[in-house]
């Protein structure tokens, strides 16, 4: 019973973290929001560690670091597949795979349930699909590449759960600290690389714009001042991440570091990181007191928390198919509690 309560609580908190992350990504780039969230989560863990503690065993440190790599890979593949779309198919596919992989691992390792528990797992998987399904107008068939990335993202999330489940009870928060440390390093490297690439592209485009303006000036002196002014404006705008007046459509946008809602976006990203850490702690507790099979399936219901918060805060409509998924999720949780 306690495992089900903790698992569901963790799923809802994960959903809340995703909701906050979505709000942040509306105001700043998704990569920047993810990097800030990773950093704030690490700070939260370091603050909590003296009160919770944990043994720094070699195996637990290594497993924590490996879980961080798996998490970073999952995030990369998830963003990539959702960018390809359609989300209505690839998102629930990712969630199902993220539940099936650790569930299969747990059952293969000898975890057993009462007969009603196996029925509950099946219903829960259906609930995961329906809750994560986002109806789209004119949705297209997903590409092989998109499906492969979705499966890879789900498998990476499942691998993260399996690795964390393999840590010892004495390790406390150590695996999560190592997980978040690796995530911060990976995200910092990614952000730095993109900034450098964007600046290099912006400088090259600015030089081309200036050369074109100089050529126009040499051909037609009366419009020299106007051309140079346009080139200068284009160069400044490119460095700000936006095309300048009269700029070509293929001009690089660069990496936008400042947006009108950046302060709010950063705050949402910080909150996202802290809430995500809380969800990770609940996940860790659930794995320590219960079975990987049950916790993994319940955790995969995290979209429920996101859509409920979106309905309450943003007044977004919950689709009928998602209502069915929520009802099935509640039924599956009750059956697992009785198993």
Protein backbone atom coordinates (compact mmCIF):
# COMPACT_ATOMS: atom_id res chain seq x y z
CA UNK A 1 0.00 0.00 0.00
CA UNK A 2 2.74 2.45 0.99
CA UNK A 3 4.66 1.69 -2.21
CA UNK A 4 1.60 2.60 -4.30
CA UNK A 5 1.08 5.85 -2.38
CA UNK A 6 4.73 6.88 -2.74
CA UNK A 7 4.83 5.81 -6.40
CA UNK A 8 1.71 7.80 -7.29
CA UNK A 9 2.97 10.80 -5.32
CA UNK A 10 6.24 10.62 -7.21
CA UNK A 11 4.41 10.48 -10.55
CA UNK A 12 2.31 13.53 -9.67
CA UNK A 13 5.38 15.47 -8.51
CA UNK A 14 7.21 14.51 -11.71
CA UNK A 15 4.19 15.85 -13.60
CA UNK A 16 4.39 19.10 -11.64
CA UNK A 17 8.07 19.40 -12.51
CA UNK A 18 7.26 18.90 -16.19
CA UNK A 19 4.55 21.55 -15.93
CA UNK A 20 7.00 24.07 -14.46
CA UNK A 21 9.58 23.10 -17.05
CA UNK A 22 7.04 23.73 -19.79
CA UNK A 23 6.30 27.19 -18.41
CA UNK A 24 10.03 27.91 -18.32
CA UNK A 25 10.56 26.69 -21.88
CA UNK A 26 7.87 29.10 -23.09
CA UNK A 27 9.99 32.00 -21.88
CA UNK A 28 13.57 30.82 -22.48
CA UNK A 29 15.07 28.14 -24.67
CA UNK A 30 14.37 24.55 -23.67
CA UNK A 31 18.09 23.88 -23.35
CA UNK A 32 18.66 26.83 -21.05
CA UNK A 33 15.63 25.87 -18.93
CA UNK A 34 16.93 22.32 -18.61
CA UNK A 35 20.42 23.50 -17.66
CA UNK A 36 19.09 25.86 -14.98
CA UNK A 37 16.80 23.14 -13.62
CA UNK A 38 19.70 20.71 -13.41
CA UNK A 39 21.75 23.27 -11.49
CA UNK A 40 19.00 24.21 -9.02
CA UNK A 41 18.27 20.53 -8.44
CA UNK A 42 21.90 19.87 -7.57
CA UNK A 43 21.90 22.79 -5.13
CA UNK A 44 18.73 21.43 -3.49
CA UNK A 45 20.33 17.99 -3.10
CA UNK A 46 23.51 19.44 -1.61
CA UNK A 47 21.44 21.42 0.89
CA UNK A 48 19.44 18.32 1.86
CA UNK A 49 22.40 15.94 2.01
CA UNK A 50 23.71 16.93 5.49
CA UNK A 51 20.26 16.17 6.93
CA UNK A 52 19.74 12.87 5.08
CA UNK A 53 23.28 11.66 4.55
CA UNK A 54 24.42 8.54 2.76
CA UNK A 55 27.45 6.31 2.41
CA UNK A 56 29.81 7.08 -0.47
CA UNK A 57 30.36 3.51 -1.56
CA UNK A 58 32.24 3.00 -4.82
CA UNK A 59 29.44 1.02 -6.46
CA UNK A 60 26.76 3.53 -5.47
CA UNK A 61 28.82 6.46 -6.73
CA UNK A 62 29.40 4.68 -10.04
CA UNK A 63 25.73 3.73 -10.40
CA UNK A 64 24.68 7.29 -9.62
CA UNK A 65 26.99 8.64 -12.31
CA UNK A 66 25.75 6.06 -14.83
CA UNK A 67 22.16 7.02 -14.05
CA UNK A 68 23.09 10.62 -14.83
CA UNK A 69 24.38 9.59 -18.25
CA UNK A 70 21.21 7.57 -18.89
CA UNK A 71 19.08 10.54 -17.83
CA UNK A 72 20.96 12.96 -20.09
CA UNK A 73 20.60 10.56 -23.04
CA UNK A 74 16.89 10.15 -22.33
CA UNK A 75 16.37 13.91 -22.27
CA UNK A 76 18.25 14.40 -25.54
CA UNK A 77 16.32 11.67 -27.36
CA UNK A 78 13.00 12.80 -25.88
CA UNK A 79 13.39 16.40 -27.07
CA UNK A 80 14.58 15.17 -30.46
CA UNK A 81 11.67 12.80 -31.05
CA UNK A 82 9.07 15.30 -29.86
CA UNK A 83 10.56 17.88 -32.21
CA UNK A 84 10.08 15.44 -35.09
CA UNK A 85 6.56 14.49 -33.98
CA UNK A 86 3.78 13.70 -33.92
CA UNK A 87 3.70 14.17 -30.14
CA UNK A 88 0.33 12.41 -29.86
CA UNK A 89 2.03 9.12 -30.74
CA UNK A 90 5.65 9.49 -29.69
CA UNK A 91 4.97 10.87 -26.20
CA UNK A 92 2.85 7.94 -24.96
CA UNK A 93 5.19 5.53 -26.75
CA UNK A 94 8.08 6.90 -24.71
CA UNK A 95 6.08 6.58 -21.48
CA UNK A 96 5.08 2.98 -22.19
CA UNK A 97 8.62 1.89 -23.04
CA UNK A 98 9.89 3.64 -19.90
CA UNK A 99 7.51 1.44 -17.89
CA UNK A 100 7.89 -1.83 -19.80
CA UNK A 101 11.71 -1.96 -19.67
CA UNK A 102 12.10 -1.83 -15.86
CA UNK A 103 8.91 -3.87 -15.38
CA UNK A 104 10.32 -6.66 -17.53
CA UNK A 105 13.63 -6.39 -15.70
CA UNK A 106 11.94 -6.68 -12.32
CA UNK A 107 9.81 -9.66 -13.33
CA UNK A 108 12.86 -11.38 -14.84
CA UNK A 109 14.73 -10.78 -11.57
CA UNK A 110 12.06 -12.71 -9.67
CA UNK A 111 9.61 -10.05 -8.47
CA UNK A 112 6.12 -11.52 -8.13
CA UNK A 113 2.62 -10.16 -7.62
CA UNK A 114 -0.79 -11.54 -6.79
CA UNK A 115 -2.97 -12.27 -9.86
CA UNK A 116 -4.82 -8.97 -9.43
CA UNK A 117 -1.47 -7.21 -9.52
CA UNK A 118 -0.71 -8.46 -13.03
CA UNK A 119 -4.12 -7.27 -14.21
CA UNK A 120 -3.35 -3.92 -12.59
CA UNK A 121 -0.05 -3.65 -14.46
CA UNK A 122 -1.82 -4.23 -17.77
CA UNK A 123 -4.49 -1.63 -16.98
CA UNK A 124 -1.80 0.80 -15.84
CA UNK A 125 0.04 0.49 -19.16
CA UNK A 126 -3.19 1.29 -21.02
CA UNK A 127 -3.67 4.26 -18.69
CA UNK A 128 -0.17 5.49 -19.46
CA UNK A 129 -0.94 5.51 -23.19
CA UNK A 130 -4.28 7.29 -22.81
CA UNK A 131 -3.10 9.88 -20.28
CA UNK A 132 -0.08 10.76 -22.41
CA UNK A 133 -2.09 10.92 -25.64
CA UNK A 134 -2.46 14.46 -26.97
CA UNK A 135 -5.01 14.64 -29.81
CA UNK A 136 -3.66 16.54 -32.81
CA UNK A 137 -5.52 17.84 -35.81
CA UNK A 138 -4.22 16.20 -38.97
CA UNK A 139 -1.54 14.19 -37.15
CA UNK A 140 0.81 12.38 -39.50
CA UNK A 141 2.29 8.93 -39.28
CA UNK A 142 5.54 9.00 -37.28
CA UNK A 143 8.78 8.36 -39.12
CA UNK A 144 11.03 5.40 -38.38
CA UNK A 145 13.57 7.86 -36.98
CA UNK A 146 11.00 9.41 -34.64
CA UNK A 147 9.85 6.01 -33.39
CA UNK A 148 13.45 4.89 -32.84
CA UNK A 149 14.19 8.02 -30.80
CA UNK A 150 11.01 7.61 -28.73
CA UNK A 151 11.87 3.99 -27.98
CA UNK A 152 15.43 5.03 -27.15
CA UNK A 153 14.20 7.77 -24.81
CA UNK A 154 11.85 5.37 -23.03
CA UNK A 155 14.54 2.70 -22.77
CA UNK A 156 16.97 5.26 -21.33
CA UNK A 157 14.41 6.34 -18.72
CA UNK A 158 13.81 2.69 -17.87
CA UNK A 159 17.56 2.14 -17.60
CA UNK A 160 17.77 5.08 -15.20
CA UNK A 161 15.14 3.40 -12.98
CA UNK A 162 16.95 0.06 -13.10
CA UNK A 163 20.28 1.64 -12.19
CA UNK A 164 18.84 3.63 -9.28
CA UNK A 165 17.09 0.49 -8.04
CA UNK A 166 20.48 -1.21 -7.89
CA UNK A 167 21.89 1.23 -5.32
CA UNK A 168 22.14 0.22 -1.67
CA UNK A 169 19.87 1.44 1.10
CA UNK A 170 22.88 2.87 2.94
CA UNK A 171 23.74 5.20 0.05
CA UNK A 172 20.99 7.66 0.93
CA UNK A 173 21.06 10.64 -1.44
CA UNK A 174 24.50 9.84 -2.85
CA UNK A 175 23.19 8.27 -6.10
CA UNK A 176 20.96 11.29 -6.75
CA UNK A 177 23.80 13.72 -6.01
CA UNK A 178 26.02 11.92 -8.51
CA UNK A 179 23.17 11.72 -11.01
CA UNK A 180 22.54 15.45 -10.87
CA UNK A 181 26.24 16.30 -10.91
CA UNK A 182 26.71 14.41 -14.17
CA UNK A 183 23.58 16.04 -15.59
CA UNK A 184 24.89 19.51 -14.74
CA UNK A 185 28.23 18.78 -16.41
CA UNK A 186 26.55 17.42 -19.54
CA UNK A 187 24.13 20.34 -19.80
CA UNK A 188 26.89 22.90 -19.17
CA UNK A 189 28.94 21.38 -21.98
CA UNK A 190 25.91 21.39 -24.30
CA UNK A 191 25.01 25.03 -23.57
CA UNK A 192 28.62 26.16 -23.97
CA UNK A 193 28.96 24.34 -27.29
CA UNK A 194 25.74 25.81 -28.70
CA UNK A 195 26.64 29.34 -27.60
CA UNK A 196 30.06 29.11 -29.26
CA UNK A 197 28.58 27.65 -32.46
CA UNK A 198 25.85 30.31 -32.57
CA UNK A 199 28.31 33.14 -32.06
CA UNK A 200 30.57 31.79 -34.79
CA UNK A 201 27.66 31.59 -37.25
CA UNK A 202 26.52 35.09 -36.30
CA UNK A 203 29.96 36.59 -36.90
CA UNK A 204 30.25 34.89 -40.30
CA UNK A 205 26.82 36.12 -41.38
CA UNK A 206 27.57 39.64 -40.13
CA UNK A 207 30.75 39.72 -42.20
CA UNK A 208 28.84 38.60 -45.29
CA UNK A 209 26.23 41.32 -44.70
CA UNK A 210 28.93 43.97 -44.29
CA UNK A 211 30.74 42.81 -47.45
CA UNK A 212 27.48 42.95 -49.41
CA UNK A 213 26.82 46.49 -48.12
CA UNK A 214 30.34 47.60 -49.06
CA UNK A 215 29.87 46.20 -52.56
CA UNK A 216 26.63 48.12 -52.95
CA UNK A 217 28.33 51.26 -51.69
CA UNK A 218 31.12 51.00 -54.24
CA UNK A 219 28.61 50.52 -57.06
CA UNK A 220 26.24 53.27 -56.03
CA UNK A 221 27.64 55.89 -53.69
CA UNK A 222 24.33 57.70 -53.05
CA UNK A 223 22.95 54.69 -51.23
CA UNK A 224 26.18 53.86 -49.40
CA UNK A 225 25.06 55.28 -46.08
CA UNK A 226 21.73 53.44 -46.23
CA UNK A 227 23.39 50.13 -47.14
CA UNK A 228 25.97 50.37 -44.38
CA UNK A 229 23.29 51.26 -41.89
CA UNK A 230 21.27 48.19 -42.90
CA UNK A 231 24.31 45.96 -42.61
CA UNK A 232 25.12 47.30 -39.18
CA UNK A 233 21.54 46.83 -38.01
CA UNK A 234 21.51 43.29 -39.37
CA UNK A 235 24.75 42.47 -37.58
CA UNK A 236 23.53 43.81 -34.25
CA UNK A 237 20.23 41.99 -34.61
CA UNK A 238 21.91 38.70 -35.45
CA UNK A 239 24.03 38.89 -32.31
CA UNK A 240 20.81 39.45 -30.37
CA UNK A 241 19.37 36.27 -31.89
CA UNK A 242 16.94 37.90 -34.33
CA UNK A 243 17.17 38.76 -38.04
CA UNK A 244 17.81 42.38 -38.87
CA UNK A 245 15.73 44.57 -41.17
CA UNK A 246 15.99 43.27 -44.71
CA UNK A 247 17.94 40.21 -43.56
CA UNK A 248 17.84 37.00 -45.56
CA UNK A 249 15.44 34.29 -44.43
CA UNK A 250 18.31 31.86 -43.92
CA UNK A 251 20.20 34.21 -41.64
CA UNK A 252 21.20 32.51 -38.38
CA UNK A 253 19.07 33.32 -35.38
CA UNK A 254 21.84 32.43 -32.96
CA UNK A 255 21.40 31.34 -29.36
CA UNK A 256 18.96 33.70 -27.67
CA UNK A 257 20.30 34.58 -24.23
CA UNK A 258 17.80 37.34 -23.48
CA UNK A 259 14.06 37.34 -23.96
CA UNK A 260 11.34 39.58 -22.50
CA UNK A 261 10.20 36.86 -20.08
CA UNK A 262 13.65 35.56 -19.22
CA UNK A 263 13.47 36.39 -15.48
CA UNK A 264 10.18 34.54 -15.09
CA UNK A 265 11.51 31.66 -17.18
CA UNK A 266 14.57 31.31 -14.97
CA UNK A 267 12.39 31.28 -11.84
CA UNK A 268 10.18 28.56 -13.30
CA UNK A 269 13.28 26.57 -14.30
CA UNK A 270 14.71 26.84 -10.78
CA UNK A 271 11.40 25.67 -9.31
CA UNK A 272 11.31 22.84 -11.85
CA UNK A 273 14.71 21.60 -10.73
CA UNK A 274 13.77 21.62 -7.05
CA UNK A 275 10.45 19.86 -7.65
CA UNK A 276 12.13 17.31 -9.91
CA UNK A 277 14.56 16.48 -7.12
CA UNK A 278 11.62 15.97 -4.76
CA UNK A 279 10.15 13.53 -7.29
CA UNK A 280 13.49 11.70 -7.52
CA UNK A 281 13.57 11.36 -3.74
CA UNK A 282 10.05 9.89 -3.76
CA UNK A 283 11.14 7.52 -6.51
CA UNK A 284 14.15 6.45 -4.46
CA UNK A 285 11.97 5.85 -1.40
CA UNK A 286 9.50 3.85 -3.48
CA UNK A 287 12.27 1.65 -4.87
CA UNK A 288 13.74 1.11 -1.41
CA UNK A 289 10.44 -0.04 0.13
CA UNK A 290 8.79 -1.68 -2.86
CA UNK A 291 9.31 -3.49 -6.14
CA UNK A 292 10.79 -2.00 -9.30
CA UNK A 293 7.92 -3.51 -11.31
CA UNK A 294 5.23 -1.57 -9.46
CA UNK A 295 7.13 1.68 -8.98
CA UNK A 296 8.17 1.92 -12.64
CA UNK A 297 4.59 1.54 -13.92
CA UNK A 298 3.24 4.09 -11.45
CA UNK A 299 6.03 6.55 -12.25
CA UNK A 300 5.16 6.33 -15.95
CA UNK A 301 1.80 7.94 -15.11
CA UNK A 302 3.55 11.29 -14.61
CA UNK A 303 1.63 12.98 -17.50
CA UNK A 304 -1.43 12.88 -15.24
CA UNK A 305 0.10 15.49 -12.96
CA UNK A 306 1.00 17.70 -15.89
CA UNK A 307 -2.43 17.68 -17.53
CA UNK A 308 -4.26 18.22 -14.23
CA UNK A 309 -2.10 21.25 -13.40
CA UNK A 310 -2.50 22.57 -16.95
CA UNK A 311 -6.27 22.26 -16.59
CA UNK A 312 -6.32 24.03 -13.21
CA UNK A 313 -3.73 26.76 -13.79
CA UNK A 314 -3.88 27.35 -17.55
CA UNK A 315 -7.50 26.30 -18.08
CA UNK A 316 -6.46 23.82 -20.73
CA UNK A 317 -9.09 21.30 -21.72
CA UNK A 318 -8.55 17.65 -20.81
CA UNK A 319 -9.42 15.46 -23.79
CA UNK A 320 -12.01 12.70 -23.27
CA UNK A 321 -9.40 10.02 -23.96
CA UNK A 322 -7.24 11.49 -21.20
CA UNK A 323 -10.17 11.38 -18.76
CA UNK A 324 -10.48 7.67 -19.52
CA UNK A 325 -6.77 7.30 -18.86
CA UNK A 326 -7.04 9.07 -15.51
CA UNK A 327 -9.90 6.81 -14.42
CA UNK A 328 -7.95 3.72 -15.45
CA UNK A 329 -4.88 5.02 -13.60
CA UNK A 330 -6.87 5.37 -10.39
CA UNK A 331 -8.34 1.90 -10.87
CA UNK A 332 -4.91 0.38 -11.50
CA UNK A 333 -3.48 2.07 -8.42
CA UNK A 334 -6.31 0.72 -6.27
CA UNK A 335 -5.77 -2.79 -7.66
CA UNK A 336 -2.03 -2.60 -7.00
CA UNK A 337 -2.70 -1.47 -3.45
CA UNK A 338 -4.92 -4.51 -2.96
CA UNK A 339 -2.44 -6.91 -4.58
